Amino acid sequence: GFEYLILDSLALANMFFRSDENVKVLACPLLI
């Protein structure tokens, strides 16, 4: 139940912070 109780609870709270998706559409200089 780790995934359901911990990881899925973030999604249920609308917490995604999808930098992986965001950086795919950005065009400005990016330094990591």
Full PDB file with SEQRES, HELIX, SHEET, SSBOND, CRYST1, ORIGX, SCALE, CONECT and MASTER records, all heavy atoms in Angstrom:
SEQRES   1 A   32  GLY PHE GLU TYR LEU ILE LEU ASP SER LEU ALA LEU ALA          
SEQRES   2 A   32  ASN MET PHE PHE ARG SER ASP GLU ASN VAL LYS VAL LEU          
SEQRES   3 A   32  ALA CYS PRO LEU LEU ILE                                      
HELIX    1 AA1 PHE A    2  PHE A    2  1                                   1    
HELIX    2 AA2 GLU A    3  LEU A    7  3                                   5    
HELIX    3 AA3 ASP A    8  LEU A   12  1                                   5    
HELIX    4 AA4 SER A   19  ASN A   22  1                                   4    
CRYST1    1.000    1.000    1.000  90.00  90.00  90.00 P 1           1          
ORIGX1      1.000000  0.000000  0.000000        0.00000                         
ORIGX2      0.000000  1.000000  0.000000        0.00000                         
ORIGX3      0.000000  0.000000  1.000000        0.00000                         
SCALE1      1.000000  0.000000  0.000000        0.00000                         
SCALE2      0.000000  1.000000  0.000000        0.00000                         
SCALE3      0.000000  0.000000  1.000000        0.00000                         
ATOM      1  N   GLY A   1       0.787  -1.227   0.000  1.00  0.00           N  
ATOM      2  CA  GLY A   1       0.000   0.000   0.000  1.00  0.00           C  
ATOM      3  C   GLY A   1       0.819   1.278   0.000  1.00  0.00           C  
ATOM      4  O   GLY A   1       0.252   2.363   0.028  1.00  0.00           O  
ATOM      5  N   PHE A   2       2.150   1.166  -0.035  1.00  0.00           N  
ATOM      6  CA  PHE A   2       2.997   2.374  -0.016  1.00  0.00           C  
ATOM      7  C   PHE A   2       2.613   3.325  -1.146  1.00  0.00           C  
ATOM      8  O   PHE A   2       2.417   4.518  -0.923  1.00  0.00           O  
ATOM      9  CB  PHE A   2       4.478   2.002  -0.126  1.00  0.00           C  
ATOM     10  CG  PHE A   2       5.383   3.185  -0.390  1.00  0.00           C  
ATOM     11  CD1 PHE A   2       5.646   4.100   0.610  1.00  0.00           C  
ATOM     12  CD2 PHE A   2       5.959   3.383  -1.641  1.00  0.00           C  
ATOM     13  CE1 PHE A   2       6.466   5.202   0.374  1.00  0.00           C  
ATOM     14  CE2 PHE A   2       6.775   4.472  -1.882  1.00  0.00           C  
ATOM     15  CZ  PHE A   2       7.042   5.382  -0.876  1.00  0.00           C  
ATOM     16  N   GLU A   3       2.501   2.789  -2.363  1.00  0.00           N  
ATOM     17  CA  GLU A   3       2.177   3.659  -3.497  1.00  0.00           C  
ATOM     18  C   GLU A   3       0.819   4.317  -3.310  1.00  0.00           C  
ATOM     19  O   GLU A   3       0.672   5.510  -3.536  1.00  0.00           O  
ATOM     20  CB  GLU A   3       2.222   2.875  -4.807  1.00  0.00           C  
ATOM     21  CG  GLU A   3       3.629   2.572  -5.246  1.00  0.00           C  
ATOM     22  CD  GLU A   3       3.716   2.157  -6.700  1.00  0.00           C  
ATOM     23  OE1 GLU A   3       2.782   2.434  -7.473  1.00  0.00           O  
ATOM     24  OE2 GLU A   3       4.747   1.569  -7.061  1.00  0.00           O  
ATOM     25  N   TYR A   4      -0.159   3.550  -2.894  1.00  0.00           N  
ATOM     26  CA  TYR A   4      -1.496   4.112  -2.716  1.00  0.00           C  
ATOM     27  C   TYR A   4      -1.531   5.131  -1.580  1.00  0.00           C  
ATOM     28  O   TYR A   4      -2.033   6.244  -1.748  1.00  0.00           O  
ATOM     29  CB  TYR A   4      -2.516   3.001  -2.457  1.00  0.00           C  
ATOM     30  CG  TYR A   4      -3.879   3.544  -2.098  1.00  0.00           C  
ATOM     31  CD1 TYR A   4      -4.692   4.115  -3.069  1.00  0.00           C  
ATOM     32  CD2 TYR A   4      -4.323   3.543  -0.778  1.00  0.00           C  
ATOM     33  CE1 TYR A   4      -5.923   4.648  -2.740  1.00  0.00           C  
ATOM     34  CE2 TYR A   4      -5.558   4.066  -0.449  1.00  0.00           C  
ATOM     35  CZ  TYR A   4      -6.361   4.619  -1.423  1.00  0.00           C  
ATOM     36  OH  TYR A   4      -7.565   5.162  -1.097  1.00  0.00           O  
ATOM     37  N   LEU A   5      -1.013   4.762  -0.421  1.00  0.00           N  
ATOM     38  CA  LEU A   5      -1.117   5.625   0.763  1.00  0.00           C  
ATOM     39  C   LEU A   5      -0.243   6.870   0.687  1.00  0.00           C  
ATOM     40  O   LEU A   5      -0.647   7.940   1.117  1.00  0.00           O  
ATOM     41  CB  LEU A   5      -0.772   4.835   2.029  1.00  0.00           C  
ATOM     42  CG  LEU A   5      -1.768   3.743   2.393  1.00  0.00           C  
ATOM     43  CD1 LEU A   5      -1.231   2.891   3.530  1.00  0.00           C  
ATOM     44  CD2 LEU A   5      -3.117   4.341   2.755  1.00  0.00           C  
ATOM     45  N   ILE A   6       0.941   6.738   0.140  1.00  0.00           N  
ATOM     46  CA  ILE A   6       1.872   7.870   0.119  1.00  0.00           C  
ATOM     47  C   ILE A   6       1.863   8.565  -1.245  1.00  0.00           C  
ATOM     48  O   ILE A   6       1.553   9.747  -1.355  1.00  0.00           O  
ATOM     49  CB  ILE A   6       3.303   7.413   0.474  1.00  0.00           C  
ATOM     50  CG1 ILE A   6       3.339   6.709   1.824  1.00  0.00           C  
ATOM     51  CG2 ILE A   6       4.260   8.606   0.425  1.00  0.00           C  
ATOM     52  CD1 ILE A   6       2.931   7.538   3.018  1.00  0.00           C  
ATOM     53  N   LEU A   7       2.207   7.822  -2.279  1.00  0.00           N  
ATOM     54  CA  LEU A   7       2.385   8.447  -3.590  1.00  0.00           C  
ATOM     55  C   LEU A   7       1.067   8.885  -4.225  1.00  0.00           C  
ATOM     56  O   LEU A   7       0.963   9.990  -4.747  1.00  0.00           O  
ATOM     57  CB  LEU A   7       3.149   7.504  -4.519  1.00  0.00           C  
ATOM     58  CG  LEU A   7       4.526   7.043  -3.994  1.00  0.00           C  
ATOM     59  CD1 LEU A   7       5.201   6.160  -5.030  1.00  0.00           C  
ATOM     60  CD2 LEU A   7       5.396   8.220  -3.619  1.00  0.00           C  
ATOM     61  N   ASP A   8       0.062   8.038  -4.165  1.00  0.00           N  
ATOM     62  CA  ASP A   8      -1.218   8.399  -4.770  1.00  0.00           C  
ATOM     63  C   ASP A   8      -1.935   9.501  -3.994  1.00  0.00           C  
ATOM     64  O   ASP A   8      -2.723  10.254  -4.560  1.00  0.00           O  
ATOM     65  CB  ASP A   8      -2.128   7.181  -4.900  1.00  0.00           C  
ATOM     66  CG  ASP A   8      -1.610   6.173  -5.920  1.00  0.00           C  
ATOM     67  OD1 ASP A   8      -0.722   6.534  -6.711  1.00  0.00           O  
ATOM     68  OD2 ASP A   8      -2.084   5.018  -5.910  1.00  0.00           O  
ATOM     69  N   SER A   9      -1.648   9.616  -2.696  1.00  0.00           N  
ATOM     70  CA  SER A   9      -2.294  10.667  -1.902  1.00  0.00           C  
ATOM     71  C   SER A   9      -1.865  12.054  -2.372  1.00  0.00           C  
ATOM     72  O   SER A   9      -2.632  13.011  -2.284  1.00  0.00           O  
ATOM     73  CB  SER A   9      -2.005  10.490  -0.414  1.00  0.00           C  
ATOM     74  OG  SER A   9      -0.635  10.690  -0.146  1.00  0.00           O  
ATOM     75  N   LEU A  10      -0.657  12.161  -2.903  1.00  0.00           N  
ATOM     76  CA  LEU A  10      -0.209  13.445  -3.462  1.00  0.00           C  
ATOM     77  C   LEU A  10      -1.071  13.822  -4.669  1.00  0.00           C  
ATOM     78  O   LEU A  10      -1.476  14.971  -4.818  1.00  0.00           O  
ATOM     79  CB  LEU A  10       1.264  13.365  -3.863  1.00  0.00           C  
ATOM     80  CG  LEU A  10       2.243  13.216  -2.714  1.00  0.00           C  
ATOM     81  CD1 LEU A  10       3.617  12.815  -3.233  1.00  0.00           C  
ATOM     82  CD2 LEU A  10       2.318  14.501  -1.915  1.00  0.00           C  
ATOM     83  N   ALA A  11      -1.348  12.851  -5.522  1.00  0.00           N  
ATOM     84  CA  ALA A  11      -2.187  13.103  -6.695  1.00  0.00           C  
ATOM     85  C   ALA A  11      -3.607  13.454  -6.278  1.00  0.00           C  
ATOM     86  O   ALA A  11      -4.227  14.357  -6.857  1.00  0.00           O  
ATOM     87  CB  ALA A  11      -2.190  11.897  -7.624  1.00  0.00           C  
ATOM     88  N   LEU A  12      -4.110  12.786  -5.256  1.00  0.00           N  
ATOM     89  CA  LEU A  12      -5.461  13.081  -4.774  1.00  0.00           C  
ATOM     90  C   LEU A  12      -5.549  14.504  -4.219  1.00  0.00           C  
ATOM     91  O   LEU A  12      -6.609  15.113  -4.226  1.00  0.00           O  
ATOM     92  CB  LEU A  12      -5.890  12.068  -3.713  1.00  0.00           C  
ATOM     93  CG  LEU A  12      -6.109  10.643  -4.239  1.00  0.00           C  
ATOM     94  CD1 LEU A  12      -6.342   9.676  -3.076  1.00  0.00           C  
ATOM     95  CD2 LEU A  12      -7.272  10.597  -5.212  1.00  0.00           C  
ATOM     96  N   ALA A  13      -4.412  15.018  -3.750  1.00  0.00           N  
ATOM     97  CA  ALA A  13      -4.367  16.383  -3.240  1.00  0.00           C  
ATOM     98  C   ALA A  13      -3.973  17.381  -4.336  1.00  0.00           C  
ATOM     99  O   ALA A  13      -3.649  18.538  -4.052  1.00  0.00           O  
ATOM    100  CB  ALA A  13      -3.381  16.473  -2.073  1.00  0.00           C  
ATOM    101  N   ASN A  14      -3.988  16.928  -5.593  1.00  0.00           N  
ATOM    102  CA  ASN A  14      -3.601  17.768  -6.739  1.00  0.00           C  
ATOM    103  C   ASN A  14      -2.195  18.335  -6.608  1.00  0.00           C  
ATOM    104  O   ASN A  14      -1.945  19.489  -6.932  1.00  0.00           O  
ATOM    105  CB  ASN A  14      -4.617  18.891  -6.965  1.00  0.00           C  
ATOM    106  CG  ASN A  14      -5.916  18.361  -7.515  1.00  0.00           C  
ATOM    107  OD1 ASN A  14      -5.911  17.518  -8.407  1.00  0.00           O  
ATOM    108  ND2 ASN A  14      -7.021  18.827  -6.973  1.00  0.00           N  
ATOM    109  N   MET A  15      -1.282  17.511  -6.113  1.00  0.00           N  
ATOM    110  CA  MET A  15       0.132  17.887  -5.993  1.00  0.00           C  
ATOM    111  C   MET A  15       0.914  17.024  -6.983  1.00  0.00           C  
ATOM    112  O   MET A  15       1.086  15.827  -6.763  1.00  0.00           O  
ATOM    113  CB  MET A  15       0.642  17.648  -4.579  1.00  0.00           C  
ATOM    114  CG  MET A  15      -0.084  18.455  -3.521  1.00  0.00           C  
ATOM    115  SD  MET A  15       0.370  20.182  -3.541  1.00  0.00           S  
ATOM    116  CE  MET A  15       1.405  20.238  -2.119  1.00  0.00           C  
ATOM    117  N   PHE A  16       1.358  17.645  -8.082  1.00  0.00           N  
ATOM    118  CA  PHE A  16       2.064  16.907  -9.123  1.00  0.00           C  
ATOM    119  C   PHE A  16       3.464  17.474  -9.384  1.00  0.00           C  
ATOM    120  O   PHE A  16       4.395  16.735  -9.575  1.00  0.00           O  
ATOM    121  CB  PHE A  16       1.259  16.902 -10.425  1.00  0.00           C  
ATOM    122  CG  PHE A  16      -0.094  16.273 -10.282  1.00  0.00           C  
ATOM    123  CD1 PHE A  16      -1.229  17.065 -10.144  1.00  0.00           C  
ATOM    124  CD2 PHE A  16      -0.238  14.900 -10.262  1.00  0.00           C  
ATOM    125  CE1 PHE A  16      -2.483  16.486 -10.009  1.00  0.00           C  
ATOM    126  CE2 PHE A  16      -1.486  14.307 -10.120  1.00  0.00           C  
ATOM    127  CZ  PHE A  16      -2.621  15.114  -9.993  1.00  0.00           C  
ATOM    128  N   PHE A  17       3.575  18.798  -9.436  1.00  0.00           N  
ATOM    129  CA  PHE A  17       4.853  19.468  -9.698  1.00  0.00           C  
ATOM    130  C   PHE A  17       5.623  18.735 -10.805  1.00  0.00           C  
ATOM    131  O   PHE A  17       6.696  18.210 -10.596  1.00  0.00           O  
ATOM    132  CB  PHE A  17       5.684  19.588  -8.425  1.00  0.00           C  
ATOM    133  CG  PHE A  17       5.045  20.455  -7.391  1.00  0.00           C  
ATOM    134  CD1 PHE A  17       4.404  19.887  -6.295  1.00  0.00           C  
ATOM    135  CD2 PHE A  17       5.067  21.832  -7.507  1.00  0.00           C  
ATOM    136  CE1 PHE A  17       3.807  20.691  -5.338  1.00  0.00           C  
ATOM    137  CE2 PHE A  17       4.469  22.646  -6.552  1.00  0.00           C  
ATOM    138  CZ  PHE A  17       3.837  22.060  -5.468  1.00  0.00           C  
ATOM    139  N   ARG A  18       5.067  18.761 -12.002  1.00  0.00           N  
ATOM    140  CA  ARG A  18       5.589  17.997 -13.150  1.00  0.00           C  
ATOM    141  C   ARG A  18       6.675  18.761 -13.910  1.00  0.00           C  
ATOM    142  O   ARG A  18       6.486  19.157 -15.059  1.00  0.00           O  
ATOM    143  CB  ARG A  18       4.449  17.658 -14.090  1.00  0.00           C  
ATOM    144  CG  ARG A  18       3.448  16.716 -13.509  1.00  0.00           C  
ATOM    145  CD  ARG A  18       2.379  16.372 -14.559  1.00  0.00           C  
ATOM    146  NE  ARG A  18       1.414  15.447 -14.030  1.00  0.00           N  
ATOM    147  CZ  ARG A  18       0.122  15.741 -13.875  1.00  0.00           C  
ATOM    148  NH1 ARG A  18      -0.343  16.930 -14.222  1.00  0.00           N  
ATOM    149  NH2 ARG A  18      -0.704  14.841 -13.387  1.00  0.00           N  
ATOM    150  N   SER A  19       7.807  18.921 -13.275  1.00  0.00           N  
ATOM    151  CA  SER A  19       8.922  19.570 -13.974  1.00  0.00           C  
ATOM    152  C   SER A  19       9.308  18.795 -15.218  1.00  0.00           C  
ATOM    153  O   SER A  19       9.715  19.386 -16.219  1.00  0.00           O  
ATOM    154  CB  SER A  19      10.135  19.708 -13.046  1.00  0.00           C  
ATOM    155  OG  SER A  19       9.878  20.657 -12.048  1.00  0.00           O  
ATOM    156  N   ASP A  20       9.175  17.460 -15.176  1.00  0.00           N  
ATOM    157  CA  ASP A  20       9.509  16.646 -16.342  1.00  0.00           C  
ATOM    158  C   ASP A  20       8.659  17.023 -17.550  1.00  0.00           C  
ATOM    159  O   ASP A  20       9.151  17.059 -18.682  1.00  0.00           O  
ATOM    160  CB  ASP A  20       9.404  15.151 -16.045  1.00  0.00           C  
ATOM    161  CG  ASP A  20       8.101  14.731 -15.357  1.00  0.00           C  
ATOM    162  OD1 ASP A  20       7.245  15.593 -15.060  1.00  0.00           O  
ATOM    163  OD2 ASP A  20       7.944  13.526 -15.113  1.00  0.00           O  
ATOM    164  N   GLU A  21       7.392  17.346 -17.339  1.00  0.00           N  
ATOM    165  CA  GLU A  21       6.526  17.779 -18.430  1.00  0.00           C  
ATOM    166  C   GLU A  21       6.770  19.249 -18.780  1.00  0.00           C  
ATOM    167  O   GLU A  21       6.740  19.632 -19.946  1.00  0.00           O  
ATOM    168  CB  GLU A  21       5.053  17.563 -18.070  1.00  0.00           C  
ATOM    169  CG  GLU A  21       4.676  16.094 -17.908  1.00  0.00           C  
ATOM    170  CD  GLU A  21       4.915  15.279 -19.172  1.00  0.00           C  
ATOM    171  OE1 GLU A  21       4.628  15.788 -20.275  1.00  0.00           O  
ATOM    172  OE2 GLU A  21       5.397  14.138 -19.050  1.00  0.00           O  
ATOM    173  N   ASN A  22       7.007  20.056 -17.769  1.00  0.00           N  
ATOM    174  CA  ASN A  22       7.197  21.496 -17.997  1.00  0.00           C  
ATOM    175  C   ASN A  22       8.436  21.793 -18.835  1.00  0.00           C  
ATOM    176  O   ASN A  22       8.382  22.620 -19.744  1.00  0.00           O  
ATOM    177  CB  ASN A  22       7.278  22.237 -16.668  1.00  0.00           C  
ATOM    178  CG  ASN A  22       5.972  22.207 -15.903  1.00  0.00           C  
ATOM    179  OD1 ASN A  22       4.902  22.005 -16.485  1.00  0.00           O  
ATOM    180  ND2 ASN A  22       6.038  22.390 -14.607  1.00  0.00           N  
ATOM    181  N   VAL A  23       9.563  21.129 -18.525  1.00  0.00           N  
ATOM    182  CA  VAL A  23      10.797  21.442 -19.260  1.00  0.00           C  
ATOM    183  C   VAL A  23      10.721  21.046 -20.729  1.00  0.00           C  
ATOM    184  O   VAL A  23      11.485  21.554 -21.543  1.00  0.00           O  
ATOM    185  CB  VAL A  23      12.053  20.818 -18.605  1.00  0.00           C  
ATOM    186  CG1 VAL A  23      12.252  21.362 -17.194  1.00  0.00           C  
ATOM    187  CG2 VAL A  23      12.022  19.306 -18.629  1.00  0.00           C  
ATOM    188  N   LYS A  24       9.781  20.193 -21.076  1.00  0.00           N  
ATOM    189  CA  LYS A  24       9.641  19.771 -22.478  1.00  0.00           C  
ATOM    190  C   LYS A  24       9.081  20.872 -23.365  1.00  0.00           C  
ATOM    191  O   LYS A  24       9.214  20.808 -24.580  1.00  0.00           O  
ATOM    192  CB  LYS A  24       8.737  18.535 -22.572  1.00  0.00           C  
ATOM    193  CG  LYS A  24       9.365  17.289 -21.998  1.00  0.00           C  
ATOM    194  CD  LYS A  24       8.393  16.130 -22.060  1.00  0.00           C  
ATOM    195  CE  LYS A  24       8.960  14.889 -21.411  1.00  0.00           C  
ATOM    196  NZ  LYS A  24       7.989  13.787 -21.390  1.00  0.00           N  
ATOM    197  N   VAL A  25       8.450  21.884 -22.763  1.00  0.00           N  
ATOM    198  CA  VAL A  25       7.854  22.957 -23.564  1.00  0.00           C  
ATOM    199  C   VAL A  25       8.531  24.312 -23.351  1.00  0.00           C  
ATOM    200  O   VAL A  25       8.230  25.258 -24.067  1.00  0.00           O  
ATOM    201  CB  VAL A  25       6.331  23.086 -23.297  1.00  0.00           C  
ATOM    202  CG1 VAL A  25       5.612  21.807 -23.684  1.00  0.00           C  
ATOM    203  CG2 VAL A  25       6.049  23.442 -21.856  1.00  0.00           C  
ATOM    204  N   LEU A  26       9.429  24.404 -22.397  1.00  0.00           N  
ATOM    205  CA  LEU A  26      10.104  25.681 -22.143  1.00  0.00           C  
ATOM    206  C   LEU A  26      11.139  25.972 -23.226  1.00  0.00           C  
ATOM    207  O   LEU A  26      11.634  25.062 -23.884  1.00  0.00           O  
ATOM    208  CB  LEU A  26      10.776  25.669 -20.769  1.00  0.00           C  
ATOM    209  CG  LEU A  26       9.849  25.530 -19.571  1.00  0.00           C  
ATOM    210  CD1 LEU A  26      10.655  25.498 -18.275  1.00  0.00           C  
ATOM    211  CD2 LEU A  26       8.828  26.659 -19.534  1.00  0.00           C  
ATOM    212  N   ALA A  27      11.452  27.245 -23.389  1.00  0.00           N  
ATOM    213  CA  ALA A  27      12.449  27.646 -24.373  1.00  0.00           C  
ATOM    214  C   ALA A  27      13.527  28.546 -23.774  1.00  0.00           C  
ATOM    215  O   ALA A  27      14.530  28.816 -24.420  1.00  0.00           O  
ATOM    216  CB  ALA A  27      11.769  28.365 -25.541  1.00  0.00           C  
ATOM    217  N   CYS A  28      13.339  29.013 -22.540  1.00  0.00           N  
ATOM    218  CA  CYS A  28      14.306  29.922 -21.921  1.00  0.00           C  
ATOM    219  C   CYS A  28      15.539  29.141 -21.452  1.00  0.00           C  
ATOM    220  O   CYS A  28      15.478  27.923 -21.278  1.00  0.00           O  
ATOM    221  CB  CYS A  28      13.670  30.651 -20.741  1.00  0.00           C  
ATOM    222  SG  CYS A  28      13.165  29.569 -19.393  1.00  0.00           S  
ATOM    223  N   PRO A  29      16.657  29.830 -21.253  1.00  0.00           N  
ATOM    224  CA  PRO A  29      17.843  29.147 -20.729  1.00  0.00           C  
ATOM    225  C   PRO A  29      17.527  28.446 -19.408  1.00  0.00           C  
ATOM    226  O   PRO A  29      16.834  28.991 -18.549  1.00  0.00           O  
ATOM    227  CB  PRO A  29      18.846  30.280 -20.530  1.00  0.00           C  
ATOM    228  CG  PRO A  29      18.428  31.318 -21.523  1.00  0.00           C  
ATOM    229  CD  PRO A  29      16.926  31.238 -21.548  1.00  0.00           C  
ATOM    230  N   LEU A  30      18.047  27.229 -19.268  1.00  0.00           N  
ATOM    231  CA  LEU A  30      17.784  26.396 -18.098  1.00  0.00           C  
ATOM    232  C   LEU A  30      19.106  25.857 -17.565  1.00  0.00           C  
ATOM    233  O   LEU A  30      19.863  25.228 -18.299  1.00  0.00           O  
ATOM    234  CB  LEU A  30      16.863  25.239 -18.491  1.00  0.00           C  
ATOM    235  CG  LEU A  30      16.597  24.148 -17.464  1.00  0.00           C  
ATOM    236  CD1 LEU A  30      15.846  24.703 -16.258  1.00  0.00           C  
ATOM    237  CD2 LEU A  30      15.809  23.003 -18.088  1.00  0.00           C  
ATOM    238  N   LEU A  31      19.355  26.119 -16.290  1.00  0.00           N  
ATOM    239  CA  LEU A  31      20.553  25.618 -15.629  1.00  0.00           C  
ATOM    240  C   LEU A  31      20.125  24.735 -14.476  1.00  0.00           C  
ATOM    241  O   LEU A  31      19.355  25.162 -13.608  1.00  0.00           O  
ATOM    242  CB  LEU A  31      21.411  26.785 -15.106  1.00  0.00           C  
ATOM    243  CG  LEU A  31      22.633  26.414 -14.264  1.00  0.00           C  
ATOM    244  CD1 LEU A  31      23.627  25.570 -15.064  1.00  0.00           C  
ATOM    245  CD2 LEU A  31      23.304  27.678 -13.740  1.00  0.00           C  
ATOM    246  N   ILE A  32      20.618  23.506 -14.467  1.00  0.00           N  
ATOM    247  CA  ILE A  32      20.306  22.559 -13.398  1.00  0.00           C  
ATOM    248  C   ILE A  32      21.564  22.329 -12.582  1.00  0.00           C  
ATOM    249  O   ILE A  32      22.625  21.991 -13.129  1.00  0.00           O  
ATOM    250  CB  ILE A  32      19.768  21.236 -13.974  1.00  0.00           C  
ATOM    251  CG1 ILE A  32      18.441  21.493 -14.709  1.00  0.00           C  
ATOM    252  CG2 ILE A  32      19.602  20.189 -12.879  1.00  0.00           C  
ATOM    253  CD1 ILE A  32      17.871  20.282 -15.425  1.00  0.00           C  
TER     254      ILE A  32                                                      
MASTER        0    0    0    4    0    0    0    6  253    1    0    3          
END                                                                             
